[in-house]
C-alpha atoms as a PDB file:
ATOM      1  CA  UNK A   1    -109.291 -28.720  89.497  1.00  0.00           C
ATOM      2  CA  UNK A   2    -109.763 -29.044  85.772  1.00  0.00           C
ATOM      3  CA  UNK A   3    -106.842 -28.511  83.413  1.00  0.00           C
ATOM      4  CA  UNK A   4    -107.459 -27.450  79.826  1.00  0.00           C
ATOM      5  CA  UNK A   5    -104.668 -27.993  77.313  1.00  0.00           C
ATOM      6  CA  UNK A   6    -104.829 -25.612  74.364  1.00  0.00           C
ATOM      7  CA  UNK A   7    -102.707 -24.543  71.402  1.00  0.00           C
ATOM      8  CA  UNK A   8    -101.751 -21.070  70.190  1.00  0.00           C
ATOM      9  CA  UNK A   9    -104.648 -18.725  70.826  1.00  0.00           C
ATOM     10  CA  UNK A  10    -104.101 -16.886  67.568  1.00  0.00           C
ATOM     11  CA  UNK A  11    -104.458 -20.027  65.461  1.00  0.00           C
ATOM     12  CA  UNK A  12    -106.167 -22.799  67.433  1.00  0.00           C
ATOM     13  CA  UNK A  13    -109.870 -22.539  66.681  1.00  0.00           C
ATOM     14  CA  UNK A  14    -110.750 -25.828  68.395  1.00  0.00           C
ATOM     15  CA  UNK A  15    -108.949 -24.739  71.555  1.00  0.00           C
ATOM     16  CA  UNK A  16    -110.907 -21.500  71.578  1.00  0.00           C
ATOM     17  CA  UNK A  17    -114.262 -23.238  71.865  1.00  0.00           C
ATOM     18  CA  UNK A  18    -114.028 -24.922  75.294  1.00  0.00           C
ATOM     19  CA  UNK A  19    -111.824 -22.149  76.745  1.00  0.00           C
ATOM     20  CA  UNK A  20    -114.368 -19.470  75.898  1.00  0.00           C
ATOM     21  CA  UNK A  21    -117.263 -21.638  77.046  1.00  0.00           C
ATOM     22  CA  UNK A  22    -115.668 -22.393  80.411  1.00  0.00           C
ATOM     23  CA  UNK A  23    -114.854 -18.729  81.004  1.00  0.00           C
ATOM     24  CA  UNK A  24    -118.377 -17.704  79.997  1.00  0.00           C
ATOM     25  CA  UNK A  25    -119.954 -20.298  82.313  1.00  0.00           C
ATOM     26  CA  UNK A  26    -117.722 -19.492  85.262  1.00  0.00           C
ATOM     27  CA  UNK A  27    -116.117 -22.955  85.327  1.00  0.00           C
ATOM     28  CA  UNK A  28    -112.719 -22.741  87.017  1.00  0.00           C
ATOM     29  CA  UNK A  29    -109.770 -24.349  85.254  1.00  0.00           C
ATOM     30  CA  UNK A  30    -106.031 -24.196  84.854  1.00  0.00           C
ATOM     31  CA  UNK A  31    -104.786 -23.424  81.354  1.00  0.00           C
ATOM     32  CA  UNK A  32    -101.810 -25.197  79.820  1.00  0.00           C
ATOM     33  CA  UNK A  33    -100.765 -23.727  76.480  1.00  0.00           C
ATOM     34  CA  UNK A  34     -98.907 -26.180  74.270  1.00  0.00           C
ATOM     35  CA  UNK A  35     -97.271 -24.124  71.552  1.00  0.00           C
ATOM     36  CA  UNK A  36     -97.735 -25.381  68.023  1.00  0.00           C
ATOM     37  CA  UNK A  37     -94.513 -26.659  66.500  1.00  0.00           C
ATOM     38  CA  UNK A  38     -93.614 -29.229  63.858  1.00  0.00           C
ATOM     39  CA  UNK A  39     -95.907 -31.847  65.485  1.00  0.00           C
ATOM     40  CA  UNK A  40     -93.232 -34.396  64.569  1.00  0.00           C
ATOM     41  CA  UNK A  41     -92.459 -37.334  66.866  1.00  0.00           C
ATOM     42  CA  UNK A  42     -90.205 -36.015  69.586  1.00  0.00           C
ATOM     43  CA  UNK A  43     -91.403 -32.418  69.232  1.00  0.00           C
ATOM     44  CA  UNK A  44     -92.305 -30.527  72.387  1.00  0.00           C
ATOM     45  CA  UNK A  45     -95.973 -30.582  71.378  1.00  0.00           C
ATOM     46  CA  UNK A  46     -95.982 -34.368  71.041  1.00  0.00           C
ATOM     47  CA  UNK A  47     -93.900 -34.883  74.167  1.00  0.00           C
ATOM     48  CA  UNK A  48     -96.511 -32.966  76.144  1.00  0.00           C
ATOM     49  CA  UNK A  49     -99.600 -34.610  74.698  1.00  0.00           C
ATOM     50  CA  UNK A  50     -98.556 -38.167  73.838  1.00  0.00           C
ATOM     51  CA  UNK A  51     -98.554 -39.323  77.480  1.00  0.00           C
ATOM     52  CA  UNK A  52    -102.119 -38.015  77.830  1.00  0.00           C
ATOM     53  CA  UNK A  53    -103.906 -39.101  74.652  1.00  0.00           C
ATOM     54  CA  UNK A  54    -103.199 -41.192  71.553  1.00  0.00           C
ATOM     55  CA  UNK A  55    -104.912 -38.517  69.457  1.00  0.00           C
ATOM     56  CA  UNK A  56    -102.128 -36.001  70.036  1.00  0.00           C
ATOM     57  CA  UNK A  57    -104.320 -32.943  69.528  1.00  0.00           C
ATOM     58  CA  UNK A  58    -105.734 -30.034  71.500  1.00  0.00           C
ATOM     59  CA  UNK A  59    -108.022 -29.186  73.177  1.00  0.00           C
ATOM     60  CA  UNK A  60    -107.780 -31.700  75.962  1.00  0.00           C
ATOM     61  CA  UNK A  61    -109.483 -31.593  79.351  1.00  0.00           C
ATOM     62  CA  UNK A  62    -107.925 -33.342  82.343  1.00  0.00           C
ATOM     63  CA  UNK A  63    -109.022 -33.942  85.901  1.00  0.00           C
ATOM     64  CA  UNK A  64    -106.690 -36.147  87.931  1.00  0.00           C
ATOM     65  CA  UNK A  65    -106.204 -39.266  85.766  1.00  0.00           C
ATOM     66  CA  UNK A  66    -109.291 -38.708  83.620  1.00  0.00           C
ATOM     67  CA  UNK A  67    -108.631 -37.218  80.180  1.00  0.00           C
ATOM     68  CA  UNK A  68    -111.248 -36.054  77.684  1.00  0.00           C
ATOM     69  CA  UNK A  69    -110.332 -34.986  74.171  1.00  0.00           C
ATOM     70  CA  UNK A  70    -112.340 -33.570  71.262  1.00  0.00           C
ATOM     71  CA  UNK A  71    -114.288 -30.361  71.765  1.00  0.00           C
ATOM     72  CA  UNK A  72    -117.733 -31.979  71.607  1.00  0.00           C
ATOM     73  CA  UNK A  73    -116.781 -34.580  74.200  1.00  0.00           C
ATOM     74  CA  UNK A  74    -115.387 -31.827  76.405  1.00  0.00           C
ATOM     75  CA  UNK A  75    -118.615 -29.832  76.125  1.00  0.00           C
ATOM     76  CA  UNK A  76    -120.779 -32.814  77.081  1.00  0.00           C
ATOM     77  CA  UNK A  77    -118.460 -33.624  79.986  1.00  0.00           C
ATOM     78  CA  UNK A  78    -118.752 -30.062  81.256  1.00  0.00           C
ATOM     79  CA  UNK A  79    -122.543 -30.183  80.929  1.00  0.00           C
ATOM     80  CA  UNK A  80    -122.643 -33.344  83.057  1.00  0.00           C
ATOM     81  CA  UNK A  81    -120.317 -32.013  85.747  1.00  0.00           C
ATOM     82  CA  UNK A  82    -121.772 -28.516  85.900  1.00  0.00           C
ATOM     83  CA  UNK A  83    -125.483 -28.896  85.059  1.00  0.00           C
ATOM     84  CA  UNK A  84    -126.357 -25.409  86.327  1.00  0.00           C
ATOM     85  CA  UNK A  85    -123.540 -23.572  84.537  1.00  0.00           C
ATOM     86  CA  UNK A  86    -125.430 -22.922  81.299  1.00  0.00           C
ATOM     87  CA  UNK A  87    -123.349 -25.038  78.930  1.00  0.00           C
ATOM     88  CA  UNK A  88    -126.571 -25.900  77.077  1.00  0.00           C
ATOM     89  CA  UNK A  89    -129.878 -24.003  77.052  1.00  0.00           C
ATOM     90  CA  UNK A  90    -132.346 -25.083  79.730  1.00  0.00           C
ATOM     91  CA  UNK A  91    -135.306 -25.389  77.352  1.00  0.00           C
ATOM     92  CA  UNK A  92    -135.305 -28.780  75.600  1.00  0.00           C
ATOM     93  CA  UNK A  93    -136.092 -27.498  72.102  1.00  0.00           C
ATOM     94  CA  UNK A  94    -133.374 -24.860  72.256  1.00  0.00           C
ATOM     95  CA  UNK A  95    -130.973 -27.422  73.721  1.00  0.00           C
ATOM     96  CA  UNK A  96    -131.616 -29.797  70.823  1.00  0.00           C
ATOM     97  CA  UNK A  97    -130.968 -27.027  68.308  1.00  0.00           C
ATOM     98  CA  UNK A  98    -127.794 -25.978  70.117  1.00  0.00           C
ATOM     99  CA  UNK A  99    -126.486 -29.541  69.909  1.00  0.00           C
ATOM    100  CA  UNK A 100    -127.362 -29.681  66.206  1.00  0.00           C
ATOM    101  CA  UNK A 101    -125.554 -26.399  65.564  1.00  0.00           C
ATOM    102  CA  UNK A 102    -122.421 -27.594  67.372  1.00  0.00           C
ATOM    103  CA  UNK A 103    -122.414 -30.906  65.501  1.00  0.00           C
ATOM    104  CA  UNK A 104    -122.890 -29.120  62.180  1.00  0.00           C
ATOM    105  CA  UNK A 105    -119.920 -26.863  62.913  1.00  0.00           C
ATOM    106  CA  UNK A 106    -117.870 -29.804  64.128  1.00  0.00           C
ATOM    107  CA  UNK A 107    -118.323 -31.813  60.926  1.00  0.00           C
ATOM    108  CA  UNK A 108    -118.992 -29.150  58.303  1.00  0.00           C
ATOM    109  CA  UNK A 109    -117.870 -25.858  56.752  1.00  0.00           C
ATOM    110  CA  UNK A 110    -114.732 -27.492  55.401  1.00  0.00           C
ATOM    111  CA  UNK A 111    -114.044 -24.906  52.714  1.00  0.00           C
ATOM    112  CA  UNK A 112    -114.458 -21.983  55.092  1.00  0.00           C
ATOM    113  CA  UNK A 113    -112.067 -23.629  57.524  1.00  0.00           C
ATOM    114  CA  UNK A 114    -109.464 -24.630  54.918  1.00  0.00           C
ATOM    115  CA  UNK A 115    -109.526 -21.443  52.836  1.00  0.00           C
ATOM    116  CA  UNK A 116    -109.825 -19.087  55.803  1.00  0.00           C
ATOM    117  CA  UNK A 117    -107.812 -20.520  58.706  1.00  0.00           C
ATOM    118  CA  UNK A 118    -108.251 -18.702  61.988  1.00  0.00           C
ATOM    119  CA  UNK A 119    -105.699 -15.930  62.419  1.00  0.00           C
ATOM    120  CA  UNK A 120    -107.047 -13.468  64.944  1.00  0.00           C
ATOM    121  CA  UNK A 121    -104.319 -10.834  64.787  1.00  0.00           C
ATOM    122  CA  UNK A 122    -104.285 -10.676  60.974  1.00  0.00           C
ATOM    123  CA  UNK A 123    -106.326  -8.330  58.776  1.00  0.00           C
ATOM    124  CA  UNK A 124    -106.723  -9.906  55.331  1.00  0.00           C
ATOM    125  CA  UNK A 125    -109.731  -8.378  53.519  1.00  0.00           C
ATOM    126  CA  UNK A 126    -107.917  -8.405  50.156  1.00  0.00           C
ATOM    127  CA  UNK A 127    -107.354 -12.144  50.515  1.00  0.00           C
ATOM    128  CA  UNK A 128    -110.974 -12.572  51.545  1.00  0.00           C
ATOM    129  CA  UNK A 129    -112.231 -10.673  48.495  1.00  0.00           C
ATOM    130  CA  UNK A 130    -110.176 -12.880  46.188  1.00  0.00           C
ATOM    131  CA  UNK A 131    -111.312 -16.082  47.872  1.00  0.00           C
ATOM    132  CA  UNK A 132    -114.926 -14.905  47.764  1.00  0.00           C
ATOM    133  CA  UNK A 133    -114.725 -14.233  44.039  1.00  0.00           C
ATOM    134  CA  UNK A 134    -112.946 -17.498  43.212  1.00  0.00           C
ATOM    135  CA  UNK A 135    -114.767 -20.060  45.355  1.00  0.00           C
ATOM    136  CA  UNK A 136    -118.488 -20.642  44.948  1.00  0.00           C
ATOM    137  CA  UNK A 137    -118.387 -23.327  47.646  1.00  0.00           C
ATOM    138  CA  UNK A 138    -117.091 -20.762  50.129  1.00  0.00           C
ATOM    139  CA  UNK A 139    -119.971 -18.441  49.286  1.00  0.00           C
ATOM    140  CA  UNK A 140    -122.418 -21.336  49.688  1.00  0.00           C
ATOM    141  CA  UNK A 141    -121.057 -22.227  53.111  1.00  0.00           C
ATOM    142  CA  UNK A 142    -121.315 -18.651  54.352  1.00  0.00           C
ATOM    143  CA  UNK A 143    -124.883 -18.497  53.034  1.00  0.00           C
ATOM    144  CA  UNK A 144    -125.702 -21.676  54.992  1.00  0.00           C
ATOM    145  CA  UNK A 145    -124.017 -20.258  58.062  1.00  0.00           C
ATOM    146  CA  UNK A 146    -126.072 -17.082  57.853  1.00  0.00           C
ATOM    147  CA  UNK A 147    -129.286 -19.060  57.452  1.00  0.00           C
ATOM    148  CA  UNK A 148    -128.529 -21.177  60.524  1.00  0.00           C
ATOM    149  CA  UNK A 149    -127.691 -18.097  62.555  1.00  0.00           C
ATOM    150  CA  UNK A 150    -130.709 -16.136  61.318  1.00  0.00           C
ATOM    151  CA  UNK A 151    -133.124 -18.936  62.237  1.00  0.00           C
ATOM    152  CA  UNK A 152    -131.607 -19.251  65.696  1.00  0.00           C
ATOM    153  CA  UNK A 153    -131.425 -15.509  66.306  1.00  0.00           C
ATOM    154  CA  UNK A 154    -135.102 -15.148  65.381  1.00  0.00           C
ATOM    155  CA  UNK A 155    -135.948 -17.437  68.296  1.00  0.00           C
ATOM    156  CA  UNK A 156    -133.376 -15.686  70.470  1.00  0.00           C
ATOM    157  CA  UNK A 157    -134.997 -12.313  69.790  1.00  0.00           C
ATOM    158  CA  UNK A 158    -138.265 -13.669  71.163  1.00  0.00           C
ATOM    159  CA  UNK A 159    -136.393 -14.691  74.306  1.00  0.00           C
ATOM    160  CA  UNK A 160    -134.817 -11.241  74.596  1.00  0.00           C
ATOM    161  CA  UNK A 161    -131.209 -12.275  74.010  1.00  0.00           C
ATOM    162  CA  UNK A 162    -128.729 -11.377  71.314  1.00  0.00           C
ATOM    163  CA  UNK A 163    -127.101 -14.809  71.239  1.00  0.00           C
ATOM    164  CA  UNK A 164    -128.099 -17.834  69.216  1.00  0.00           C
ATOM    165  CA  UNK A 165    -130.372 -19.603  71.699  1.00  0.00           C
ATOM    166  CA  UNK A 166    -130.832 -17.300  74.643  1.00  0.00           C
ATOM    167  CA  UNK A 167    -127.863 -16.762  76.910  1.00  0.00           C
ATOM    168  CA  UNK A 168    -124.346 -17.397  75.612  1.00  0.00           C
ATOM    169  CA  UNK A 169    -123.926 -21.170  75.452  1.00  0.00           C
ATOM    170  CA  UNK A 170    -121.943 -23.913  73.713  1.00  0.00           C
ATOM    171  CA  UNK A 171    -123.442 -23.015  70.321  1.00  0.00           C
ATOM    172  CA  UNK A 172    -122.068 -19.472  70.499  1.00  0.00           C
ATOM    173  CA  UNK A 173    -118.703 -20.760  71.715  1.00  0.00           C
ATOM    174  CA  UNK A 174    -118.511 -23.202  68.823  1.00  0.00           C
ATOM    175  CA  UNK A 175    -119.127 -20.442  66.291  1.00  0.00           C
ATOM    176  CA  UNK A 176    -116.831 -17.889  67.943  1.00  0.00           C
ATOM    177  CA  UNK A 177    -113.849 -18.950  65.763  1.00  0.00           C
ATOM    178  CA  UNK A 178    -116.080 -18.540  62.699  1.00  0.00           C
ATOM    179  CA  UNK A 179    -116.739 -14.968  63.798  1.00  0.00           C
ATOM    180  CA  UNK A 180    -112.962 -14.523  63.901  1.00  0.00           C
ATOM    181  CA  UNK A 181    -112.615 -15.873  60.354  1.00  0.00           C
ATOM    182  CA  UNK A 182    -115.366 -13.669  58.954  1.00  0.00           C
ATOM    183  CA  UNK A 183    -113.735 -10.646  60.586  1.00  0.00           C
ATOM    184  CA  UNK A 184    -110.125 -11.427  59.568  1.00  0.00           C
ATOM    185  CA  UNK A 185    -110.992 -12.013  55.913  1.00  0.00           C
ATOM    186  CA  UNK A 186    -113.714  -9.381  55.691  1.00  0.00           C
ATOM    187  CA  UNK A 187    -116.218 -11.751  54.098  1.00  0.00           C
ATOM    188  CA  UNK A 188    -119.486 -10.049  53.141  1.00  0.00           C
ATOM    189  CA  UNK A 189    -122.371 -10.799  55.494  1.00  0.00           C
ATOM    190  CA  UNK A 190    -125.763  -9.302  56.261  1.00  0.00           C
ATOM    191  CA  UNK A 191    -126.295  -6.521  58.819  1.00  0.00           C
ATOM    192  CA  UNK A 192    -127.976  -9.040  61.157  1.00  0.00           C
ATOM    193  CA  UNK A 193    -124.913 -11.280  60.992  1.00  0.00           C
ATOM    194  CA  UNK A 194    -122.600  -8.335  61.566  1.00  0.00           C
ATOM    195  CA  UNK A 195    -124.607  -7.360  64.638  1.00  0.00           C
ATOM    196  CA  UNK A 196    -124.361 -10.889  66.032  1.00  0.00           C
ATOM    197  CA  UNK A 197    -120.622 -10.915  65.361  1.00  0.00           C
ATOM    198  CA  UNK A 198    -120.270  -7.671  67.300  1.00  0.00           C
ATOM    199  CA  UNK A 199    -122.101  -9.154  70.282  1.00  0.00           C
ATOM    200  CA  UNK A 200    -119.874 -12.237  70.271  1.00  0.00           C
ATOM    201  CA  UNK A 201    -116.727 -10.115  70.039  1.00  0.00           C
ATOM    202  CA  UNK A 202    -117.932  -7.970  72.947  1.00  0.00           C
ATOM    203  CA  UNK A 203    -118.558 -10.940  75.222  1.00  0.00           C
ATOM    204  CA  UNK A 204    -115.964 -10.836  78.033  1.00  0.00           C
ATOM    205  CA  UNK A 205    -114.785 -14.428  77.490  1.00  0.00           C
ATOM    206  CA  UNK A 206    -114.300 -13.908  73.758  1.00  0.00           C
ATOM    207  CA  UNK A 207    -112.683 -10.516  74.268  1.00  0.00           C
ATOM    208  CA  UNK A 208    -110.221 -12.062  76.735  1.00  0.00           C
ATOM    209  CA  UNK A 209    -109.225 -14.786  74.269  1.00  0.00           C
ATOM    210  CA  UNK A 210    -108.791 -12.251  71.453  1.00  0.00           C
ATOM    211  CA  UNK A 211    -106.662  -9.987  73.637  1.00  0.00           C
ATOM    212  CA  UNK A 212    -104.401 -12.844  74.669  1.00  0.00           C
ATOM    213  CA  UNK A 213    -104.192 -14.126  71.084  1.00  0.00           C
ATOM    214  CA  UNK A 214    -102.969 -10.753  69.873  1.00  0.00           C
ATOM    215  CA  UNK A 215    -100.454 -10.589  72.723  1.00  0.00           C
ATOM    216  CA  UNK A 216     -98.798 -13.869  71.685  1.00  0.00           C
ATOM    217  CA  UNK A 217     -96.967 -12.323  68.716  1.00  0.00           C
ATOM    218  CA  UNK A 218     -95.913 -15.798  67.624  1.00  0.00           C
ATOM    219  CA  UNK A 219     -95.606 -16.118  63.842  1.00  0.00           C
ATOM    220  CA  UNK A 220     -95.850 -19.748  62.658  1.00  0.00           C
ATOM    221  CA  UNK A 221     -95.236 -19.983  58.936  1.00  0.00           C
ATOM    222  CA  UNK A 222     -97.042 -23.333  58.555  1.00  0.00           C
ATOM    223  CA  UNK A 223    -100.208 -21.663  59.866  1.00  0.00           C
ATOM    224  CA  UNK A 224     -99.807 -18.669  57.528  1.00  0.00           C
ATOM    225  CA  UNK A 225    -100.822 -19.372  53.916  1.00  0.00           C
ATOM    226  CA  UNK A 226    -101.270 -15.669  53.154  1.00  0.00           C
ATOM    227  CA  UNK A 227     -98.534 -13.836  55.114  1.00  0.00           C
ATOM    228  CA  UNK A 228     -94.761 -14.038  55.191  1.00  0.00           C
ATOM    229  CA  UNK A 229     -94.359 -12.030  58.415  1.00  0.00           C
ATOM    230  CA  UNK A 230     -96.408 -10.510  61.209  1.00  0.00           C
END
């Protein structure tokens, strides 16, 4: 049995990616939620993770004594172990694009991630409007995001699916936390992007994560640059 270690569902965007993907692909796993805390040496978070990995971060996938960390490494491990689960598209060209999209998300969109941290339960359109007006680099990153999605969705439409590269796959899972950010901060996007966001939010795996994130009701001030209470 696989065990997936994750952080708070309301805040942990990297944890969301493999959790949603595994649920969407029907890959059975046991979830261990490691609540975010001070992350200081001796904290409960570190006490849980330090024996497993020197990185000390979530997500983390474990099977027996084998431990895989980093979301991209987890995705590739899942694709190897469950080749028929649909982690990546079956068609080679779509698979190559899906990998490129995941890598781009993994290493890019720094301003979107830093200015608009994931906070699923929050509704912060006023903050989003201010950030949008003040930060040209944020606007540029959202424009790039929309272009990447539009190009992928154009191919997807030919294949008869509303997701990025056919059926829901790792690429959609990797961008699911971005959908959360765009929604929380009310950033302006095109109708096509809004429609894709709605499809992602309606996916059962994403909807389950969102529901459980909202049920946490765990306010962590160090994750909250724009609120002082729930």
